[in-house]
């Protein structure tokens, strides 16, 4: 069974499975959970970039930029190892207990 994202204005509004072949013209784009097609797995709220054939998650923080090779949002500072939370106001990673 194939998985499809149902799109409205290229915004994913629903996820469904179907044995039928659904088309983009009807508002559907196939995806795979392992992101082996379309760069990322579709999620409700993500956008479909038709030109690049990629699903893009919503931008988490204004300072993060879109990596046009992976279509994932990237922080301005690389995440350190372990548990870390991004603090947008301070433009840094916070590691609990440190």
Protein backbone atom coordinates (compact mmCIF):
# COMPACT_ATOMS: atom_id res chain seq x y z
CA UNK A 1 0.00 0.00 0.00
CA UNK A 2 1.32 3.43 -0.94
CA UNK A 3 1.38 6.47 1.35
CA UNK A 4 0.21 9.84 0.10
CA UNK A 5 0.19 13.41 1.35
CA UNK A 6 -3.02 15.27 0.54
CA UNK A 7 -2.12 18.83 -0.45
CA UNK A 8 -4.00 22.12 -0.46
CA UNK A 9 -1.90 24.89 -2.00
CA UNK A 10 1.13 22.57 -1.54
CA UNK A 11 0.53 22.37 2.23
CA UNK A 12 0.13 18.85 3.64
CA UNK A 13 -3.33 18.72 5.22
CA UNK A 14 -3.77 14.96 5.51
CA UNK A 15 -1.89 11.68 5.23
CA UNK A 16 -3.44 8.54 3.81
CA UNK A 17 -2.69 5.09 2.44
CA UNK A 18 -4.14 3.81 -0.80
CA UNK A 19 -3.72 0.95 -3.21
CA UNK A 20 -4.83 3.28 -6.00
CA UNK A 21 -2.39 5.50 -7.86
CA UNK A 22 -3.26 9.06 -6.83
CA UNK A 23 -1.97 12.07 -8.75
CA UNK A 24 -0.55 15.51 -8.04
CA UNK A 25 -3.24 16.97 -10.30
CA UNK A 26 -5.79 15.63 -7.82
CA UNK A 27 -3.85 17.02 -4.85
CA UNK A 28 -1.80 13.97 -3.80
CA UNK A 29 1.91 13.22 -3.65
CA UNK A 30 3.37 9.85 -2.74
CA UNK A 31 5.97 9.69 0.04
CA UNK A 32 7.82 7.08 2.08
CA UNK A 33 8.40 7.11 5.83
CA UNK A 34 12.11 6.45 5.33
CA UNK A 35 12.38 9.59 3.15
CA UNK A 36 13.89 7.56 0.32
CA UNK A 37 11.90 9.77 -2.05
CA UNK A 38 11.24 13.51 -1.78
CA UNK A 39 14.06 14.10 0.75
CA UNK A 40 11.81 14.01 3.83
CA UNK A 41 8.75 12.17 5.03
CA UNK A 42 5.49 14.10 4.65
CA UNK A 43 3.89 15.43 7.84
CA UNK A 44 0.72 17.42 8.36
CA UNK A 45 1.81 21.05 8.24
CA UNK A 46 4.82 20.47 6.00
CA UNK A 47 5.01 22.00 2.53
CA UNK A 48 5.62 20.30 -0.77
CA UNK A 49 8.13 22.08 -2.99
CA UNK A 50 7.13 20.94 -6.47
CA UNK A 51 10.16 22.47 -8.19
CA UNK A 52 12.58 20.48 -6.02
CA UNK A 53 10.24 17.51 -5.44
CA UNK A 54 10.78 17.79 -1.68
CA UNK A 55 8.73 17.92 1.51
CA UNK A 56 9.88 20.69 3.86
CA UNK A 57 8.94 20.82 7.55
CA UNK A 58 7.86 24.16 9.04
CA UNK A 59 10.77 26.38 10.08
CA UNK A 60 11.31 25.89 13.83
CA UNK A 61 13.23 29.09 14.51
CA UNK A 62 13.70 32.31 12.47
CA UNK A 63 17.50 32.03 12.64
CA UNK A 64 17.59 28.55 11.07
CA UNK A 65 18.24 28.31 7.33
CA UNK A 66 17.09 25.75 4.81
CA UNK A 67 19.81 23.40 3.56
CA UNK A 68 19.03 23.12 -0.15
CA UNK A 69 20.80 19.77 -0.41
CA UNK A 70 18.72 18.03 2.27
CA UNK A 71 15.70 20.36 2.57
CA UNK A 72 16.07 20.34 6.36
CA UNK A 73 16.34 23.39 8.61
CA UNK A 74 19.84 23.99 10.00
CA UNK A 75 20.73 26.04 13.10
CA UNK A 76 23.38 28.76 12.82
CA UNK A 77 25.54 26.81 15.31
CA UNK A 78 25.98 23.05 15.08
CA UNK A 79 24.21 21.06 17.77
CA UNK A 80 26.59 19.68 20.42
CA UNK A 81 26.59 16.00 21.34
CA UNK A 82 24.00 14.86 23.84
CA UNK A 83 20.78 16.55 24.87
CA UNK A 84 20.60 20.19 23.83
CA UNK A 85 17.79 22.71 23.41
CA UNK A 86 18.04 25.69 21.06
CA UNK A 87 17.57 29.10 22.75
CA UNK A 88 16.56 31.44 19.93
CA UNK A 89 16.81 34.65 21.97
CA UNK A 90 20.45 33.90 22.84
CA UNK A 91 21.36 32.14 19.58
CA UNK A 92 22.90 29.21 21.43
CA UNK A 93 22.35 25.65 22.55
CA UNK A 94 21.45 24.97 26.19
CA UNK A 95 22.55 21.66 27.64
CA UNK A 96 20.62 20.79 30.82
CA UNK A 97 22.90 20.13 33.78
CA UNK A 98 25.85 22.07 32.38
